[in-house]
Amino acid sequence: MSVSLTLTELGFTMNKLISFFGGLMLIGAVFAMVVLTALIYRANERSSVKSYMFQMNDWSTERLGVLQNINDISANDLRNRLIKKYVSEYFKVIPGEANVLDRPILKMLSTTEAFSQWEQGEAQTIQKMSEQKMFRMVTVDDAGIAVNSDENVKYDNSDNAEKIYYVVRYYMSTWAESNMMATQPVLEQGTLFLEARFAPGIREHDGYGNRLDIRKYLESGKNPVGLFKFTVTNIGDKMIK
């Protein structure tokens, strides 16, 4: 028996084969899409968002680190940290700041007279710069802090320690446009002369003569810098062009 196919029958058979393999390919594609969707869904369930803080230049040394025992910090190191914090608060400019004079840390570390000096002097400049949406920050190196005396300093541990005069060299970076990342800052350096009382350790009394409860102080949300025996009593500055 011989089998012969006409051209019409052959064409019909080819179309059926093409449809059959095309259906298989379509089923395979749908299956692959289902598997891919499931994998993406599972991946999203296991994903996590990690936030990063971008720091200008090499500011890694300014990150918060492991808590240190106050007894392991030398008197000079503690003094330098407090001076750096003070100078930073003294000069910093935040664009569009609502109330420039509201600087609790600066006020906490100053006598009434010293804070008044800042209000009538540098604060006026900060107000104008803030209104113009400018941004300014200041850094101080340990090597830039010196005692304005040839004698060795012997720190008094009392809350009313003797006044000491410091010469502080600072480096200032000012951005005229705070929202323009391509804008290069204006770099300046200057010298700030501080008259301050400093004694190693933690205050025993608050500003009203009451014994200081450290736990309550910290739980109230106040800045830890106010716990230390450091008070600026007089300020002077001299810019270096």
C-alpha atoms as a PDB file:
ATOM      1  CA  MET A   1       0.000   0.000   0.000  1.00  0.00           C
ATOM      2  CA  SER A   2       1.433   3.357  -0.871  1.00  0.00           C
ATOM      3  CA  VAL A   3       0.572   6.615   0.845  1.00  0.00           C
ATOM      4  CA  SER A   4       0.602   9.788  -1.083  1.00  0.00           C
ATOM      5  CA  LEU A   5      -0.197  13.278   0.177  1.00  0.00           C
ATOM      6  CA  THR A   6      -1.492  16.034  -1.957  1.00  0.00           C
ATOM      7  CA  LEU A   7      -0.006  19.509  -1.604  1.00  0.00           C
ATOM      8  CA  THR A   8      -3.119  20.623   0.253  1.00  0.00           C
ATOM      9  CA  GLU A   9      -2.886  17.794   2.772  1.00  0.00           C
ATOM     10  CA  LEU A  10       0.847  18.421   3.224  1.00  0.00           C
ATOM     11  CA  GLY A  11       0.287  22.095   3.920  1.00  0.00           C
ATOM     12  CA  PHE A  12      -2.453  21.296   6.440  1.00  0.00           C
ATOM     13  CA  THR A  13      -0.160  18.850   8.255  1.00  0.00           C
ATOM     14  CA  MET A  14       2.677  21.427   8.434  1.00  0.00           C
ATOM     15  CA  ASN A  15       0.352  24.055   9.872  1.00  0.00           C
ATOM     16  CA  LYS A  16      -0.739  21.630  12.592  1.00  0.00           C
ATOM     17  CA  LEU A  17       2.893  20.879  13.463  1.00  0.00           C
ATOM     18  CA  ILE A  18       3.752  24.574  13.576  1.00  0.00           C
ATOM     19  CA  SER A  19       0.734  25.276  15.784  1.00  0.00           C
ATOM     20  CA  PHE A  20       1.687  22.388  18.081  1.00  0.00           C
ATOM     21  CA  PHE A  21       5.286  23.564  18.588  1.00  0.00           C
ATOM     22  CA  GLY A  22       4.155  27.164  18.838  1.00  0.00           C
ATOM     23  CA  GLY A  23       1.773  26.184  21.634  1.00  0.00           C
ATOM     24  CA  LEU A  24       4.589  24.394  23.444  1.00  0.00           C
ATOM     25  CA  MET A  25       6.791  27.487  23.198  1.00  0.00           C
ATOM     26  CA  LEU A  26       3.986  29.704  24.479  1.00  0.00           C
ATOM     27  CA  ILE A  27       3.373  27.376  27.449  1.00  0.00           C
ATOM     28  CA  GLY A  28       7.127  27.379  28.201  1.00  0.00           C
ATOM     29  CA  ALA A  29       7.253  31.184  28.067  1.00  0.00           C
ATOM     30  CA  VAL A  30       4.272  31.509  30.426  1.00  0.00           C
ATOM     31  CA  PHE A  31       5.846  28.999  32.816  1.00  0.00           C
ATOM     32  CA  ALA A  32       9.151  30.901  32.772  1.00  0.00           C
ATOM     33  CA  MET A  33       7.317  34.184  33.541  1.00  0.00           C
ATOM     34  CA  VAL A  34       5.513  32.579  36.476  1.00  0.00           C
ATOM     35  CA  VAL A  35       8.795  31.226  37.886  1.00  0.00           C
ATOM     36  CA  LEU A  36      10.532  34.603  37.431  1.00  0.00           C
ATOM     37  CA  THR A  37       7.681  36.446  39.156  1.00  0.00           C
ATOM     38  CA  ALA A  38       7.821  34.031  42.084  1.00  0.00           C
ATOM     39  CA  LEU A  39      11.590  34.515  42.413  1.00  0.00           C
ATOM     40  CA  ILE A  40      11.236  38.297  42.396  1.00  0.00           C
ATOM     41  CA  TYR A  41       8.515  38.112  45.046  1.00  0.00           C
ATOM     42  CA  ARG A  42      10.664  35.892  47.252  1.00  0.00           C
ATOM     43  CA  ALA A  43      13.629  38.194  46.779  1.00  0.00           C
ATOM     44  CA  ASN A  44      11.568  41.203  47.874  1.00  0.00           C
ATOM     45  CA  GLU A  45      10.513  39.377  51.025  1.00  0.00           C
ATOM     46  CA  ARG A  46      14.166  38.847  51.962  1.00  0.00           C
ATOM     47  CA  SER A  47      15.381  42.276  50.954  1.00  0.00           C
ATOM     48  CA  SER A  48      16.233  45.023  53.421  1.00  0.00           C
ATOM     49  CA  VAL A  49      16.917  48.729  53.088  1.00  0.00           C
ATOM     50  CA  LYS A  50      20.215  50.009  54.426  1.00  0.00           C
ATOM     51  CA  SER A  51      20.681  53.739  54.934  1.00  0.00           C
ATOM     52  CA  TYR A  52      24.009  55.516  54.623  1.00  0.00           C
ATOM     53  CA  MET A  53      25.088  58.958  55.738  1.00  0.00           C
ATOM     54  CA  PHE A  54      27.228  60.728  53.169  1.00  0.00           C
ATOM     55  CA  GLN A  55      30.134  62.612  54.716  1.00  0.00           C
ATOM     56  CA  MET A  56      32.033  65.431  53.092  1.00  0.00           C
ATOM     57  CA  ASN A  57      35.708  64.693  52.455  1.00  0.00           C
ATOM     58  CA  ASP A  58      37.119  62.328  55.080  1.00  0.00           C
ATOM     59  CA  TRP A  59      34.816  62.901  58.057  1.00  0.00           C
ATOM     60  CA  SER A  60      34.957  59.309  59.250  1.00  0.00           C
ATOM     61  CA  THR A  61      36.620  60.488  62.469  1.00  0.00           C
ATOM     62  CA  GLU A  62      33.442  62.389  63.359  1.00  0.00           C
ATOM     63  CA  ARG A  63      31.265  59.268  63.468  1.00  0.00           C
ATOM     64  CA  LEU A  64      29.899  58.102  66.782  1.00  0.00           C
ATOM     65  CA  GLY A  65      32.022  55.273  68.089  1.00  0.00           C
ATOM     66  CA  VAL A  66      32.133  52.943  71.053  1.00  0.00           C
ATOM     67  CA  LEU A  67      31.268  54.571  74.380  1.00  0.00           C
ATOM     68  CA  GLN A  68      34.347  55.520  76.350  1.00  0.00           C
ATOM     69  CA  ASN A  69      34.944  55.540  80.075  1.00  0.00           C
ATOM     70  CA  ILE A  70      35.482  59.104  81.269  1.00  0.00           C
ATOM     71  CA  ASN A  71      38.389  57.853  83.374  1.00  0.00           C
ATOM     72  CA  ASP A  72      40.167  56.648  80.232  1.00  0.00           C
ATOM     73  CA  ILE A  73      40.096  60.098  78.606  1.00  0.00           C
ATOM     74  CA  SER A  74      42.976  62.414  79.443  1.00  0.00           C
ATOM     75  CA  ALA A  75      42.298  65.939  80.683  1.00  0.00           C
ATOM     76  CA  ASN A  76      43.740  67.505  77.522  1.00  0.00           C
ATOM     77  CA  ASP A  77      41.742  65.209  75.248  1.00  0.00           C
ATOM     78  CA  LEU A  78      38.500  66.000  77.070  1.00  0.00           C
ATOM     79  CA  ARG A  79      39.295  69.713  77.017  1.00  0.00           C
ATOM     80  CA  ASN A  80      40.017  69.620  73.274  1.00  0.00           C
ATOM     81  CA  ARG A  81      36.743  67.842  72.516  1.00  0.00           C
ATOM     82  CA  LEU A  82      34.777  70.436  74.452  1.00  0.00           C
ATOM     83  CA  ILE A  83      36.600  73.315  72.747  1.00  0.00           C
ATOM     84  CA  LYS A  84      35.937  71.772  69.306  1.00  0.00           C
ATOM     85  CA  LYS A  85      32.244  71.465  70.118  1.00  0.00           C
ATOM     86  CA  TYR A  86      32.105  75.047  71.344  1.00  0.00           C
ATOM     87  CA  VAL A  87      33.820  76.492  68.279  1.00  0.00           C
ATOM     88  CA  SER A  88      31.581  74.459  65.968  1.00  0.00           C
ATOM     89  CA  GLU A  89      28.453  75.817  67.658  1.00  0.00           C
ATOM     90  CA  TYR A  90      29.954  79.311  67.698  1.00  0.00           C
ATOM     91  CA  PHE A  91      30.374  79.561  63.911  1.00  0.00           C
ATOM     92  CA  LYS A  92      28.015  77.081  62.225  1.00  0.00           C
ATOM     93  CA  VAL A  93      25.472  78.431  59.755  1.00  0.00           C
ATOM     94  CA  ILE A  94      22.343  76.458  58.835  1.00  0.00           C
ATOM     95  CA  PRO A  95      20.403  77.660  55.771  1.00  0.00           C
ATOM     96  CA  GLY A  96      17.071  79.223  56.693  1.00  0.00           C
ATOM     97  CA  GLU A  97      17.456  78.598  60.431  1.00  0.00           C
ATOM     98  CA  ALA A  98      14.306  79.762  62.193  1.00  0.00           C
ATOM     99  CA  ASN A  99      16.005  81.070  65.348  1.00  0.00           C
ATOM    100  CA  VAL A 100      19.755  81.596  65.143  1.00  0.00           C
ATOM    101  CA  LEU A 101      19.987  82.596  68.807  1.00  0.00           C
ATOM    102  CA  ASP A 102      18.515  79.265  69.950  1.00  0.00           C
ATOM    103  CA  ARG A 103      21.786  77.443  70.579  1.00  0.00           C
ATOM    104  CA  PRO A 104      21.391  75.625  73.900  1.00  0.00           C
ATOM    105  CA  ILE A 105      24.829  73.980  73.763  1.00  0.00           C
ATOM    106  CA  LEU A 106      26.604  77.298  73.223  1.00  0.00           C
ATOM    107  CA  LYS A 107      24.565  78.906  75.988  1.00  0.00           C
ATOM    108  CA  MET A 108      25.174  75.958  78.284  1.00  0.00           C
ATOM    109  CA  LEU A 109      28.946  76.253  77.865  1.00  0.00           C
ATOM    110  CA  SER A 110      29.103  80.049  78.210  1.00  0.00           C
ATOM    111  CA  THR A 111      28.709  82.559  80.976  1.00  0.00           C
ATOM    112  CA  THR A 112      25.985  85.156  80.462  1.00  0.00           C
ATOM    113  CA  GLU A 113      28.634  87.706  79.441  1.00  0.00           C
ATOM    114  CA  ALA A 114      30.305  85.389  76.915  1.00  0.00           C
ATOM    115  CA  PHE A 115      27.004  84.388  75.334  1.00  0.00           C
ATOM    116  CA  SER A 116      26.041  88.048  75.083  1.00  0.00           C
ATOM    117  CA  GLN A 117      29.319  88.671  73.232  1.00  0.00           C
ATOM    118  CA  TRP A 118      28.319  86.049  70.684  1.00  0.00           C
ATOM    119  CA  GLU A 119      24.773  87.420  70.341  1.00  0.00           C
ATOM    120  CA  GLN A 120      26.025  90.932  69.631  1.00  0.00           C
ATOM    121  CA  GLY A 121      28.860  89.811  67.381  1.00  0.00           C
ATOM    122  CA  GLU A 122      29.077  86.587  65.351  1.00  0.00           C
ATOM    123  CA  ALA A 123      25.363  85.813  65.721  1.00  0.00           C
ATOM    124  CA  GLN A 124      24.541  88.887  63.610  1.00  0.00           C
ATOM    125  CA  THR A 125      26.713  87.572  60.781  1.00  0.00           C
ATOM    126  CA  ILE A 126      25.175  84.109  61.103  1.00  0.00           C
ATOM    127  CA  GLN A 127      21.665  85.595  60.881  1.00  0.00           C
ATOM    128  CA  LYS A 128      22.432  87.328  57.567  1.00  0.00           C
ATOM    129  CA  MET A 129      24.141  84.262  56.101  1.00  0.00           C
ATOM    130  CA  SER A 130      21.291  81.971  57.153  1.00  0.00           C
ATOM    131  CA  GLU A 131      18.716  84.270  55.523  1.00  0.00           C
ATOM    132  CA  GLN A 132      20.726  84.040  52.286  1.00  0.00           C
ATOM    133  CA  LYS A 133      20.547  80.205  52.479  1.00  0.00           C
ATOM    134  CA  MET A 134      24.293  79.870  53.039  1.00  0.00           C
ATOM    135  CA  PHE A 135      25.887  76.922  54.806  1.00  0.00           C
ATOM    136  CA  ARG A 136      29.030  77.027  56.975  1.00  0.00           C
ATOM    137  CA  MET A 137      30.947  74.561  59.069  1.00  0.00           C
ATOM    138  CA  VAL A 138      34.137  74.761  61.105  1.00  0.00           C
ATOM    139  CA  THR A 139      36.728  72.169  62.114  1.00  0.00           C
ATOM    140  CA  VAL A 140      39.495  72.300  64.698  1.00  0.00           C
ATOM    141  CA  ASP A 141      42.512  70.004  64.956  1.00  0.00           C
ATOM    142  CA  ASP A 142      44.081  69.010  68.261  1.00  0.00           C
ATOM    143  CA  ALA A 143      47.289  70.665  67.106  1.00  0.00           C
ATOM    144  CA  GLY A 144      45.362  73.904  66.656  1.00  0.00           C
ATOM    145  CA  ILE A 145      44.531  74.242  70.357  1.00  0.00           C
ATOM    146  CA  ALA A 146      47.178  75.833  72.546  1.00  0.00           C
ATOM    147  CA  VAL A 147      47.303  77.300  76.030  1.00  0.00           C
ATOM    148  CA  ASN A 148      48.252  80.966  75.914  1.00  0.00           C
ATOM    149  CA  SER A 149      50.840  80.565  78.650  1.00  0.00           C
ATOM    150  CA  ASP A 150      54.393  79.346  79.049  1.00  0.00           C
ATOM    151  CA  GLU A 151      53.559  77.667  82.343  1.00  0.00           C
ATOM    152  CA  ASN A 152      52.364  74.074  82.683  1.00  0.00           C
ATOM    153  CA  VAL A 153      48.641  73.987  83.368  1.00  0.00           C
ATOM    154  CA  LYS A 154      47.543  72.292  86.572  1.00  0.00           C
ATOM    155  CA  TYR A 155      43.820  71.717  86.332  1.00  0.00           C
ATOM    156  CA  ASP A 156      41.704  72.381  89.389  1.00  0.00           C
ATOM    157  CA  ASN A 157      38.995  69.745  89.926  1.00  0.00           C
ATOM    158  CA  SER A 158      36.504  72.195  91.438  1.00  0.00           C
ATOM    159  CA  ASP A 159      33.520  73.579  89.532  1.00  0.00           C
ATOM    160  CA  ASN A 160      35.024  77.069  89.861  1.00  0.00           C
ATOM    161  CA  ALA A 161      38.389  76.246  88.307  1.00  0.00           C
ATOM    162  CA  GLU A 162      40.891  78.965  87.483  1.00  0.00           C
ATOM    163  CA  LYS A 163      40.422  80.746  84.154  1.00  0.00           C
ATOM    164  CA  ILE A 164      42.783  79.642  81.399  1.00  0.00           C
ATOM    165  CA  TYR A 165      43.428  81.382  78.090  1.00  0.00           C
ATOM    166  CA  TYR A 166      43.386  79.313  74.904  1.00  0.00           C
ATOM    167  CA  VAL A 167      44.401  80.088  71.342  1.00  0.00           C
ATOM    168  CA  VAL A 168      42.281  78.052  68.923  1.00  0.00           C
ATOM    169  CA  ARG A 169      43.075  77.798  65.196  1.00  0.00           C
ATOM    170  CA  TYR A 170      40.024  76.817  63.157  1.00  0.00           C
ATOM    171  CA  TYR A 171      39.294  76.019  59.508  1.00  0.00           C
ATOM    172  CA  MET A 172      36.096  77.343  57.996  1.00  0.00           C
ATOM    173  CA  SER A 173      34.213  76.119  54.898  1.00  0.00           C
ATOM    174  CA  THR A 174      31.369  78.257  53.545  1.00  0.00           C
ATOM    175  CA  TRP A 175      28.952  77.357  50.736  1.00  0.00           C
ATOM    176  CA  ALA A 176      27.196  80.347  49.160  1.00  0.00           C
ATOM    177  CA  GLU A 177      24.489  78.032  47.757  1.00  0.00           C
ATOM    178  CA  SER A 178      23.595  75.186  50.088  1.00  0.00           C
ATOM    179  CA  ASN A 179      21.493  73.278  47.550  1.00  0.00           C
ATOM    180  CA  MET A 180      24.134  73.240  44.807  1.00  0.00           C
ATOM    181  CA  MET A 181      26.421  70.238  45.285  1.00  0.00           C
ATOM    182  CA  ALA A 182      28.773  71.419  42.515  1.00  0.00           C
ATOM    183  CA  THR A 183      29.463  74.707  44.300  1.00  0.00           C
ATOM    184  CA  GLN A 184      32.954  74.849  45.763  1.00  0.00           C
ATOM    185  CA  PRO A 185      33.177  76.205  49.328  1.00  0.00           C
ATOM    186  CA  VAL A 186      35.131  79.274  50.298  1.00  0.00           C
ATOM    187  CA  LEU A 187      37.929  78.162  52.617  1.00  0.00           C
ATOM    188  CA  GLU A 188      39.223  80.378  55.412  1.00  0.00           C
ATOM    189  CA  GLN A 189      41.202  79.965  58.567  1.00  0.00           C
ATOM    190  CA  GLY A 190      41.124  82.015  61.702  1.00  0.00           C
ATOM    191  CA  THR A 191      42.057  82.205  65.358  1.00  0.00           C
ATOM    192  CA  LEU A 192      39.656  82.354  68.259  1.00  0.00           C
ATOM    193  CA  PHE A 193      40.860  83.403  71.696  1.00  0.00           C
ATOM    194  CA  LEU A 194      38.946  81.807  74.533  1.00  0.00           C
ATOM    195  CA  GLU A 195      39.031  82.511  78.235  1.00  0.00           C
ATOM    196  CA  ALA A 196      37.526  79.477  79.935  1.00  0.00           C
ATOM    197  CA  ARG A 197      37.254  77.515  83.132  1.00  0.00           C
ATOM    198  CA  PHE A 198      37.920  73.828  82.734  1.00  0.00           C
ATOM    199  CA  ALA A 199      38.308  70.963  85.188  1.00  0.00           C
ATOM    200  CA  PRO A 200      38.431  67.235  84.359  1.00  0.00           C
ATOM    201  CA  GLY A 201      35.414  65.175  85.316  1.00  0.00           C
ATOM    202  CA  ILE A 202      31.653  65.607  85.679  1.00  0.00           C
ATOM    203  CA  ARG A 203      29.859  68.467  87.387  1.00  0.00           C
ATOM    204  CA  GLU A 204      28.595  67.747  90.872  1.00  0.00           C
ATOM    205  CA  HIS A 205      25.989  70.528  90.885  1.00  0.00           C
ATOM    206  CA  ASP A 206      23.686  72.137  88.346  1.00  0.00           C
ATOM    207  CA  GLY A 207      23.561  75.848  87.655  1.00  0.00           C
ATOM    208  CA  TYR A 208      21.226  76.415  90.610  1.00  0.00           C
ATOM    209  CA  GLY A 209      23.365  74.883  93.346  1.00  0.00           C
ATOM    210  CA  ASN A 210      21.458  71.593  93.428  1.00  0.00           C
ATOM    211  CA  ARG A 211      23.269  68.271  93.323  1.00  0.00           C
ATOM    212  CA  LEU A 212      23.305  66.998  89.738  1.00  0.00           C
ATOM    213  CA  ASP A 213      21.475  63.735  89.037  1.00  0.00           C
ATOM    214  CA  ILE A 214      23.223  62.421  85.917  1.00  0.00           C
ATOM    215  CA  ARG A 215      20.569  59.806  85.148  1.00  0.00           C
ATOM    216  CA  LYS A 216      17.722  62.329  85.273  1.00  0.00           C
ATOM    217  CA  TYR A 217      19.790  64.798  83.280  1.00  0.00           C
ATOM    218  CA  LEU A 218      20.337  62.349  80.412  1.00  0.00           C
ATOM    219  CA  GLU A 219      16.784  60.967  80.523  1.00  0.00           C
ATOM    220  CA  SER A 220      15.456  64.511  80.124  1.00  0.00           C
ATOM    221  CA  GLY A 221      17.085  64.655  76.681  1.00  0.00           C
ATOM    222  CA  LYS A 222      19.678  67.310  77.489  1.00  0.00           C
ATOM    223  CA  ASN A 223      22.999  67.245  75.674  1.00  0.00           C
ATOM    224  CA  PRO A 224      25.716  65.300  77.581  1.00  0.00           C
ATOM    225  CA  VAL A 225      28.205  68.087  76.886  1.00  0.00           C
ATOM    226  CA  GLY A 226      26.576  70.085  79.688  1.00  0.00           C
ATOM    227  CA  LEU A 227      27.744  67.557  82.267  1.00  0.00           C
ATOM    228  CA  PHE A 228      31.371  68.623  82.053  1.00  0.00           C
ATOM    229  CA  LYS A 229      33.160  71.352  83.966  1.00  0.00           C
ATOM    230  CA  PHE A 230      33.806  73.656  81.040  1.00  0.00           C
ATOM    231  CA  THR A 231      32.618  77.255  80.795  1.00  0.00           C
ATOM    232  CA  VAL A 232      33.787  79.972  78.406  1.00  0.00           C
ATOM    233  CA  THR A 233      33.978  83.333  80.157  1.00  0.00           C
ATOM    234  CA  ASN A 234      35.328  85.607  77.400  1.00  0.00           C
ATOM    235  CA  ILE A 235      35.740  85.493  73.602  1.00  0.00           C
ATOM    236  CA  GLY A 236      37.915  87.241  71.052  1.00  0.00           C
ATOM    237  CA  ASP A 237      38.648  86.515  67.410  1.00  0.00           C
ATOM    238  CA  LYS A 238      41.072  87.483  64.658  1.00  0.00           C
ATOM    239  CA  MET A 239      40.578  86.397  61.082  1.00  0.00           C
ATOM    240  CA  ILE A 240      43.621  85.479  58.980  1.00  0.00           C
ATOM    241  CA  LYS A 241      43.286  86.493  55.326  1.00  0.00           C
END
